[in-house]
């Protein structure tokens, strides 16, 4: 019988860190009760639960995502 190796987790490296100007986005309202698409946008931003903060690149695509869920998040310059 062959033994299976345990699953390896991906470790983020310094090379995968965002390059360029970034924004700090914090989820301040629950996605429950809102449109499903808005919940998917929040997930796409990398936010998981209320109070979670992530740094995202400051470019038009991310700005558009933030604009769609502006009632659920706060944004600050990083």
PDB file of N, CA and C in Angstrom:
ATOM      1  N   UNK A   1       0.836  -1.183   0.000  1.00  0.00           N
ATOM      2  CA  UNK A   1       0.000   0.000   0.000  1.00  0.00           C
ATOM      3  C   UNK A   1       0.877   1.241   0.000  1.00  0.00           C
ATOM      4  N   UNK A   2       0.465   2.201  -0.732  1.00  0.00           N
ATOM      5  CA  UNK A   2       1.233   3.444  -0.757  1.00  0.00           C
ATOM      6  C   UNK A   2       0.645   4.422   0.252  1.00  0.00           C
ATOM      7  N   UNK A   3       1.509   5.136   0.879  1.00  0.00           N
ATOM      8  CA  UNK A   3       1.067   6.126   1.863  1.00  0.00           C
ATOM      9  C   UNK A   3       0.851   7.466   1.175  1.00  0.00           C
ATOM     10  N   UNK A   4      -0.190   8.136   1.565  1.00  0.00           N
ATOM     11  CA  UNK A   4      -0.457   9.453   1.001  1.00  0.00           C
ATOM     12  C   UNK A   4       0.226  10.504   1.854  1.00  0.00           C
ATOM     13  N   UNK A   5       0.767  11.492   1.199  1.00  0.00           N
ATOM     14  CA  UNK A   5       1.389  12.585   1.939  1.00  0.00           C
ATOM     15  C   UNK A   5       0.311  13.567   2.358  1.00  0.00           C
ATOM     16  N   UNK A   6       0.486  14.203   3.500  1.00  0.00           N
ATOM     17  CA  UNK A   6      -0.525  15.173   3.936  1.00  0.00           C
ATOM     18  C   UNK A   6      -0.576  16.362   2.980  1.00  0.00           C
ATOM     19  N   UNK A   7      -1.739  16.958   2.895  1.00  0.00           N
ATOM     20  CA  UNK A   7      -1.915  18.125   2.027  1.00  0.00           C
ATOM     21  C   UNK A   7      -1.035  19.264   2.515  1.00  0.00           C
ATOM     22  N   UNK A   8      -0.420  19.934   1.587  1.00  0.00           N
ATOM     23  CA  UNK A   8       0.440  21.068   1.940  1.00  0.00           C
ATOM     24  C   UNK A   8      -0.333  22.353   1.759  1.00  0.00           C
ATOM     25  N   UNK A   9      -0.119  23.249   2.675  1.00  0.00           N
ATOM     26  CA  UNK A   9      -0.781  24.549   2.585  1.00  0.00           C
ATOM     27  C   UNK A   9       0.139  25.538   1.894  1.00  0.00           C
ATOM     28  N   UNK A  10      -0.456  26.402   1.127  1.00  0.00           N
ATOM     29  CA  UNK A  10       0.309  27.432   0.424  1.00  0.00           C
ATOM     30  C   UNK A  10       0.713  28.516   1.407  1.00  0.00           C
ATOM     31  N   UNK A  11       1.995  28.822   1.445  1.00  0.00           N
ATOM     32  CA  UNK A  11       2.483  29.905   2.293  1.00  0.00           C
ATOM     33  C   UNK A  11       2.664  31.146   1.430  1.00  0.00           C
ATOM     34  N   UNK A  12       2.020  32.242   1.779  1.00  0.00           N
ATOM     35  CA  UNK A  12       2.241  33.459   0.996  1.00  0.00           C
ATOM     36  C   UNK A  12       3.676  33.945   1.186  1.00  0.00           C
ATOM     37  N   UNK A  13       4.309  34.293   0.103  1.00  0.00           N
ATOM     38  CA  UNK A  13       5.686  34.763   0.185  1.00  0.00           C
ATOM     39  C   UNK A  13       5.731  36.277   0.029  1.00  0.00           C
ATOM     40  N   UNK A  14       6.894  36.818   0.252  1.00  0.00           N
ATOM     41  CA  UNK A  14       7.065  38.262   0.110  1.00  0.00           C
ATOM     42  C   UNK A  14       6.829  38.681  -1.338  1.00  0.00           C
ATOM     43  N   UNK A  15       7.084  37.777  -2.271  1.00  0.00           N
ATOM     44  CA  UNK A  15       6.895  38.092  -3.681  1.00  0.00           C
ATOM     45  C   UNK A  15       5.417  38.252  -4.028  1.00  0.00           C
ATOM     46  N   UNK A  16       4.519  37.629  -3.250  1.00  0.00           N
ATOM     47  CA  UNK A  16       3.099  37.733  -3.560  1.00  0.00           C
ATOM     48  C   UNK A  16       2.433  38.926  -2.871  1.00  0.00           C
ATOM     49  N   UNK A  17       3.205  39.700  -2.129  1.00  0.00           N
ATOM     50  CA  UNK A  17       2.661  40.882  -1.457  1.00  0.00           C
ATOM     51  C   UNK A  17       2.272  41.923  -2.508  1.00  0.00           C
ATOM     52  N   UNK A  18       1.229  42.717  -2.248  1.00  0.00           N
ATOM     53  CA  UNK A  18       0.800  43.724  -3.219  1.00  0.00           C
ATOM     54  C   UNK A  18       1.906  44.736  -3.506  1.00  0.00           C
ATOM     55  N   UNK A  19       2.047  45.077  -4.775  1.00  0.00           N
ATOM     56  CA  UNK A  19       3.036  46.078  -5.173  1.00  0.00           C
ATOM     57  C   UNK A  19       2.291  47.315  -5.647  1.00  0.00           C
ATOM     58  N   UNK A  20       2.749  48.457  -5.206  1.00  0.00           N
ATOM     59  CA  UNK A  20       2.105  49.700  -5.586  1.00  0.00           C
ATOM     60  C   UNK A  20       1.225  50.224  -4.476  1.00  0.00           C
ATOM     61  N   UNK A  21       0.480  51.287  -4.764  1.00  0.00           N
ATOM     62  CA  UNK A  21      -0.384  51.881  -3.730  1.00  0.00           C
ATOM     63  C   UNK A  21      -1.498  50.916  -3.326  1.00  0.00           C
ATOM     64  N   UNK A  22      -1.806  50.899  -2.043  1.00  0.00           N
ATOM     65  CA  UNK A  22      -2.837  49.991  -1.545  1.00  0.00           C
ATOM     66  C   UNK A  22      -3.885  50.740  -0.732  1.00  0.00           C
ATOM     67  N   UNK A  23      -5.010  50.089  -0.537  1.00  0.00           N
ATOM     68  CA  UNK A  23      -6.099  50.605   0.282  1.00  0.00           C
ATOM     69  C   UNK A  23      -6.396  49.588   1.372  1.00  0.00           C
ATOM     70  N   UNK A  24      -6.736  50.072   2.559  1.00  0.00           N
ATOM     71  CA  UNK A  24      -7.178  49.183   3.632  1.00  0.00           C
ATOM     72  C   UNK A  24      -8.698  49.163   3.609  1.00  0.00           C
ATOM     73  N   UNK A  25      -9.259  47.986   3.437  1.00  0.00           N
ATOM     74  CA  UNK A  25     -10.706  47.823   3.367  1.00  0.00           C
ATOM     75  C   UNK A  25     -11.146  46.983   4.561  1.00  0.00           C
ATOM     76  N   UNK A  26     -12.139  47.470   5.314  1.00  0.00           N
ATOM     77  CA  UNK A  26     -12.651  46.774   6.490  1.00  0.00           C
ATOM     78  C   UNK A  26     -14.142  46.527   6.324  1.00  0.00           C
ATOM     79  N   UNK A  27     -14.567  45.296   6.588  1.00  0.00           N
ATOM     80  CA  UNK A  27     -15.987  44.958   6.537  1.00  0.00           C
ATOM     81  C   UNK A  27     -16.637  45.403   7.837  1.00  0.00           C
ATOM     82  N   UNK A  28     -17.653  46.266   7.752  1.00  0.00           N
ATOM     83  CA  UNK A  28     -18.298  46.796   8.954  1.00  0.00           C
ATOM     84  C   UNK A  28     -19.765  46.388   9.072  1.00  0.00           C
ATOM     85  N   UNK A  29     -20.333  45.809   8.009  1.00  0.00           N
ATOM     86  CA  UNK A  29     -21.724  45.342   8.058  1.00  0.00           C
ATOM     87  C   UNK A  29     -21.795  43.928   7.494  1.00  0.00           C
ATOM     88  N   UNK A  30     -22.747  43.168   7.983  1.00  0.00           N
ATOM     89  CA  UNK A  30     -22.941  41.795   7.528  1.00  0.00           C
ATOM     90  C   UNK A  30     -23.461  41.776   6.093  1.00  0.00           C
ATOM     91  N   UNK A  31     -23.102  40.722   5.369  1.00  0.00           N
ATOM     92  CA  UNK A  31     -23.595  40.561   4.000  1.00  0.00           C
ATOM     93  C   UNK A  31     -24.964  39.890   3.980  1.00  0.00           C
ATOM     94  N   UNK A  32     -25.428  39.404   5.122  1.00  0.00           N
ATOM     95  CA  UNK A  32     -26.736  38.756   5.206  1.00  0.00           C
ATOM     96  C   UNK A  32     -27.826  39.797   4.943  1.00  0.00           C
ATOM     97  N   UNK A  33     -28.769  39.451   4.100  1.00  0.00           N
ATOM     98  CA  UNK A  33     -29.872  40.349   3.792  1.00  0.00           C
ATOM     99  C   UNK A  33     -29.619  41.215   2.573  1.00  0.00           C
ATOM    100  N   UNK A  34     -28.420  41.124   2.010  1.00  0.00           N
ATOM    101  CA  UNK A  34     -28.100  41.883   0.806  1.00  0.00           C
ATOM    102  C   UNK A  34     -28.080  40.943  -0.391  1.00  0.00           C
ATOM    103  N   UNK A  35     -27.982  41.522  -1.553  1.00  0.00           N
ATOM    104  CA  UNK A  35     -27.919  40.781  -2.794  1.00  0.00           C
ATOM    105  C   UNK A  35     -26.754  39.784  -2.754  1.00  0.00           C
ATOM    106  N   UNK A  36     -26.967  38.583  -3.284  1.00  0.00           N
ATOM    107  CA  UNK A  36     -25.921  37.550  -3.293  1.00  0.00           C
ATOM    108  C   UNK A  36     -24.664  38.035  -4.014  1.00  0.00           C
ATOM    109  N   UNK A  37     -24.847  38.789  -5.071  1.00  0.00           N
ATOM    110  CA  UNK A  37     -23.703  39.286  -5.840  1.00  0.00           C
ATOM    111  C   UNK A  37     -22.817  40.185  -4.971  1.00  0.00           C
ATOM    112  N   UNK A  38     -23.432  40.963  -4.086  1.00  0.00           N
ATOM    113  CA  UNK A  38     -22.646  41.811  -3.192  1.00  0.00           C
ATOM    114  C   UNK A  38     -21.839  40.956  -2.221  1.00  0.00           C
ATOM    115  N   UNK A  39     -22.398  39.853  -1.774  1.00  0.00           N
ATOM    116  CA  UNK A  39     -21.660  38.933  -0.913  1.00  0.00           C
ATOM    117  C   UNK A  39     -20.463  38.345  -1.631  1.00  0.00           C
ATOM    118  N   UNK A  40     -20.633  38.042  -2.913  1.00  0.00           N
ATOM    119  CA  UNK A  40     -19.531  37.516  -3.712  1.00  0.00           C
ATOM    120  C   UNK A  40     -18.449  38.571  -3.912  1.00  0.00           C
ATOM    121  N   UNK A  41     -18.843  39.822  -4.047  1.00  0.00           N
ATOM    122  CA  UNK A  41     -17.870  40.904  -4.186  1.00  0.00           C
ATOM    123  C   UNK A  41     -17.061  41.045  -2.906  1.00  0.00           C
ATOM    124  N   UNK A  42     -17.735  40.977  -1.759  1.00  0.00           N
ATOM    125  CA  UNK A  42     -17.035  41.059  -0.471  1.00  0.00           C
ATOM    126  C   UNK A  42     -16.027  39.919  -0.368  1.00  0.00           C
ATOM    127  N   UNK A  43     -16.434  38.721  -0.772  1.00  0.00           N
ATOM    128  CA  UNK A  43     -15.530  37.568  -0.744  1.00  0.00           C
ATOM    129  C   UNK A  43     -14.358  37.789  -1.707  1.00  0.00           C
ATOM    130  N   UNK A  44     -14.650  38.386  -2.864  1.00  0.00           N
ATOM    131  CA  UNK A  44     -13.615  38.673  -3.851  1.00  0.00           C
ATOM    132  C   UNK A  44     -12.594  39.681  -3.358  1.00  0.00           C
ATOM    133  N   UNK A  45     -13.020  40.564  -2.475  1.00  0.00           N
ATOM    134  CA  UNK A  45     -12.087  41.516  -1.868  1.00  0.00           C
ATOM    135  C   UNK A  45     -11.218  40.842  -0.807  1.00  0.00           C
ATOM    136  N   UNK A  46     -11.588  39.631  -0.414  1.00  0.00           N
ATOM    137  CA  UNK A  46     -10.809  38.904   0.583  1.00  0.00           C
ATOM    138  C   UNK A  46     -11.309  39.089   2.001  1.00  0.00           C
ATOM    139  N   UNK A  47     -12.491  39.679   2.147  1.00  0.00           N
ATOM    140  CA  UNK A  47     -13.053  39.912   3.477  1.00  0.00           C
ATOM    141  C   UNK A  47     -13.858  38.700   3.913  1.00  0.00           C
ATOM    142  N   UNK A  48     -13.727  38.329   5.193  1.00  0.00           N
ATOM    143  CA  UNK A  48     -14.383  37.120   5.674  1.00  0.00           C
ATOM    144  C   UNK A  48     -15.477  37.393   6.684  1.00  0.00           C
ATOM    145  N   UNK A  49     -15.216  38.223   7.677  1.00  0.00           N
ATOM    146  CA  UNK A  49     -16.233  38.493   8.690  1.00  0.00           C
ATOM    147  C   UNK A  49     -16.124  39.933   9.153  1.00  0.00           C
ATOM    148  N   UNK A  50     -17.119  40.392   9.886  1.00  0.00           N
ATOM    149  CA  UNK A  50     -17.169  41.780  10.326  1.00  0.00           C
ATOM    150  C   UNK A  50     -15.919  42.109  11.136  1.00  0.00           C
ATOM    151  N   UNK A  51     -15.309  43.236  10.809  1.00  0.00           N
ATOM    152  CA  UNK A  51     -14.097  43.664  11.495  1.00  0.00           C
ATOM    153  C   UNK A  51     -12.821  43.218  10.805  1.00  0.00           C
ATOM    154  N   UNK A  52     -12.936  42.342   9.807  1.00  0.00           N
ATOM    155  CA  UNK A  52     -11.759  41.862   9.081  1.00  0.00           C
ATOM    156  C   UNK A  52     -11.259  42.958   8.142  1.00  0.00           C
ATOM    157  N   UNK A  53      -9.954  43.189   8.145  1.00  0.00           N
ATOM    158  CA  UNK A  53      -9.338  44.213   7.306  1.00  0.00           C
ATOM    159  C   UNK A  53      -8.341  43.568   6.358  1.00  0.00           C
ATOM    160  N   UNK A  54      -8.350  44.002   5.111  1.00  0.00           N
ATOM    161  CA  UNK A  54      -7.387  43.527   4.122  1.00  0.00           C
ATOM    162  C   UNK A  54      -6.810  44.727   3.383  1.00  0.00           C
ATOM    163  N   UNK A  55      -5.626  44.533   2.821  1.00  0.00           N
ATOM    164  CA  UNK A  55      -5.018  45.543   1.955  1.00  0.00           C
ATOM    165  C   UNK A  55      -5.170  45.069   0.523  1.00  0.00           C
ATOM    166  N   UNK A  56      -5.721  45.927  -0.318  1.00  0.00           N
ATOM    167  CA  UNK A  56      -5.896  45.604  -1.732  1.00  0.00           C
ATOM    168  C   UNK A  56      -5.200  46.670  -2.564  1.00  0.00           C
ATOM    169  N   UNK A  57      -4.807  46.285  -3.772  1.00  0.00           N
ATOM    170  CA  UNK A  57      -4.180  47.244  -4.676  1.00  0.00           C
ATOM    171  C   UNK A  57      -5.173  48.334  -5.045  1.00  0.00           C
ATOM    172  N   UNK A  58      -4.669  49.534  -5.165  1.00  0.00           N
ATOM    173  CA  UNK A  58      -5.505  50.674  -5.539  1.00  0.00           C
ATOM    174  C   UNK A  58      -5.501  50.801  -7.058  1.00  0.00           C
ATOM    175  N   UNK A  59      -6.426  50.090  -7.709  1.00  0.00           N
ATOM    176  CA  UNK A  59      -6.584  50.229  -9.151  1.00  0.00           C
ATOM    177  C   UNK A  59      -8.072  50.203  -9.490  1.00  0.00           C
ATOM    178  N   UNK A  60      -8.438  50.574 -10.701  1.00  0.00           N
ATOM    179  CA  UNK A  60      -9.850  50.762 -11.038  1.00  0.00           C
ATOM    180  C   UNK A  60     -10.756  49.558 -10.754  1.00  0.00           C
ATOM    181  N   UNK A  61     -10.280  48.344 -10.957  1.00  0.00           N
ATOM    182  CA  UNK A  61     -11.123  47.168 -10.717  1.00  0.00           C
ATOM    183  C   UNK A  61     -11.493  47.060  -9.239  1.00  0.00           C
ATOM    184  N   UNK A  62     -10.524  47.251  -8.373  1.00  0.00           N
ATOM    185  CA  UNK A  62     -10.791  47.177  -6.931  1.00  0.00           C
ATOM    186  C   UNK A  62     -11.663  48.345  -6.487  1.00  0.00           C
ATOM    187  N   UNK A  63     -11.406  49.523  -7.047  1.00  0.00           N
ATOM    188  CA  UNK A  63     -12.242  50.687  -6.717  1.00  0.00           C
ATOM    189  C   UNK A  63     -13.698  50.421  -7.105  1.00  0.00           C
ATOM    190  N   UNK A  64     -13.913  49.767  -8.245  1.00  0.00           N
ATOM    191  CA  UNK A  64     -15.265  49.438  -8.674  1.00  0.00           C
ATOM    192  C   UNK A  64     -15.941  48.452  -7.738  1.00  0.00           C
ATOM    193  N   UNK A  65     -15.183  47.449  -7.280  1.00  0.00           N
ATOM    194  CA  UNK A  65     -15.736  46.476  -6.328  1.00  0.00           C
ATOM    195  C   UNK A  65     -16.109  47.165  -5.020  1.00  0.00           C
ATOM    196  N   UNK A  66     -15.228  48.036  -4.552  1.00  0.00           N
ATOM    197  CA  UNK A  66     -15.491  48.765  -3.302  1.00  0.00           C
ATOM    198  C   UNK A  66     -16.716  49.658  -3.465  1.00  0.00           C
ATOM    199  N   UNK A  67     -16.853  50.283  -4.626  1.00  0.00           N
ATOM    200  CA  UNK A  67     -18.001  51.160  -4.885  1.00  0.00           C
ATOM    201  C   UNK A  67     -19.318  50.388  -4.790  1.00  0.00           C
ATOM    202  N   UNK A  68     -19.330  49.140  -5.270  1.00  0.00           N
ATOM    203  CA  UNK A  68     -20.552  48.325  -5.243  1.00  0.00           C
ATOM    204  C   UNK A  68     -20.984  47.961  -3.827  1.00  0.00           C
ATOM    205  N   UNK A  69     -20.029  47.867  -2.897  1.00  0.00           N
ATOM    206  CA  UNK A  69     -20.362  47.466  -1.519  1.00  0.00           C
ATOM    207  C   UNK A  69     -19.980  48.559  -0.522  1.00  0.00           C
ATOM    208  N   UNK A  70     -20.022  49.801  -0.956  1.00  0.00           N
ATOM    209  CA  UNK A  70     -19.577  50.920  -0.115  1.00  0.00           C
ATOM    210  C   UNK A  70     -20.387  51.061   1.164  1.00  0.00           C
ATOM    211  N   UNK A  71     -21.621  50.541   1.189  1.00  0.00           N
ATOM    212  CA  UNK A  71     -22.456  50.615   2.382  1.00  0.00           C
ATOM    213  C   UNK A  71     -22.068  49.563   3.421  1.00  0.00           C
ATOM    214  N   UNK A  72     -21.188  48.628   3.061  1.00  0.00           N
ATOM    215  CA  UNK A  72     -20.780  47.555   3.976  1.00  0.00           C
ATOM    216  C   UNK A  72     -19.338  47.667   4.441  1.00  0.00           C
ATOM    217  N   UNK A  73     -18.548  48.526   3.811  1.00  0.00           N
ATOM    218  CA  UNK A  73     -17.115  48.589   4.109  1.00  0.00           C
ATOM    219  C   UNK A  73     -16.679  50.014   4.421  1.00  0.00           C
ATOM    220  N   UNK A  74     -15.531  50.113   5.077  1.00  0.00           N
ATOM    221  CA  UNK A  74     -14.851  51.400   5.219  1.00  0.00           C
ATOM    222  C   UNK A  74     -13.511  51.270   4.513  1.00  0.00           C
ATOM    223  N   UNK A  75     -13.032  52.373   3.972  1.00  0.00           N
ATOM    224  CA  UNK A  75     -11.798  52.370   3.194  1.00  0.00           C
ATOM    225  C   UNK A  75     -10.867  53.438   3.734  1.00  0.00           C
ATOM    226  N   UNK A  76      -9.586  53.084   3.853  1.00  0.00           N
ATOM    227  CA  UNK A  76      -8.560  54.032   4.281  1.00  0.00           C
ATOM    228  C   UNK A  76      -7.320  53.813   3.430  1.00  0.00           C
ATOM    229  N   UNK A  77      -6.529  54.858   3.258  1.00  0.00           N
ATOM    230  CA  UNK A  77      -5.254  54.712   2.559  1.00  0.00           C
ATOM    231  C   UNK A  77      -4.303  53.921   3.435  1.00  0.00           C
ATOM    232  N   UNK A  78      -3.527  53.064   2.791  1.00  0.00           N
ATOM    233  CA  UNK A  78      -2.593  52.231   3.562  1.00  0.00           C
ATOM    234  C   UNK A  78      -1.245  52.886   3.702  1.00  0.00           C
TER     235      UNK A  78
END
